[in-house]
C-alpha cells in the first residue's frame, strides 16, 4: 500500500454560483481514488486581491490525504478546475475572474520550486482569504516546513494582511 501524504488545498471562485462550485469541486476531489478529503473549512467571502474585479471571491481551505506526489496532486487539481470551466491561457499575465481556482498550498514538509509548482505556495502568507480558513483547520497539526505549528505560523501572518476584507460565511 502506498504511503498517505497530507496536503492543504485552497479553493476559490468568483464567477457563477461560487458556493455550489466549491462544494461540488470538493466532491469531485473526493471521487479521485488517490485523494481522501478530510476537512473543509467554512467559506469566506473576500475582495479580489492583486486584480481588478467587482466580483468578490468565495474561498475555503481543505485538508486531504493522498498517495500522489505533489505534481500528481497538482495535475488532479487542474483537471478538476478544467471540469468546472477553468481555462488557463499560457500567455495570460495577471489574475483574472475564474469559475474555480484550486491551489496546492502545502504538501507535508515539502519545499519545492519548479516551473510548475512552488511549495509552500508563495502567496499564502499574503492572502487573508487563505490564512483565515487555514487557521480554522490548522489546530495542532504540523503539516508545514515552517518549524512551528501551522496554527502559530498562521496567527503570526494574519496581522500583516488585516487590511484585506474577508468575511466568514456558511455553506
Foldseek 3Di string as FASTA:
>chain_A
DFDKWKFKKKKKAQDDPQVVLRVVLLVLQCPPPFKHWDDKFFWKWFQDDFDDDPTIMIMIMTMMIGSDDPVRVVVSSVVSQVVQPDDDDPPDDTDDHGGMDMDTQFIAADADDDPVDGPNPPCQLVDVSNLVNCLVVQPQDRRYNPPHRPNVVSVVSNVVNVVTDMGGDGD
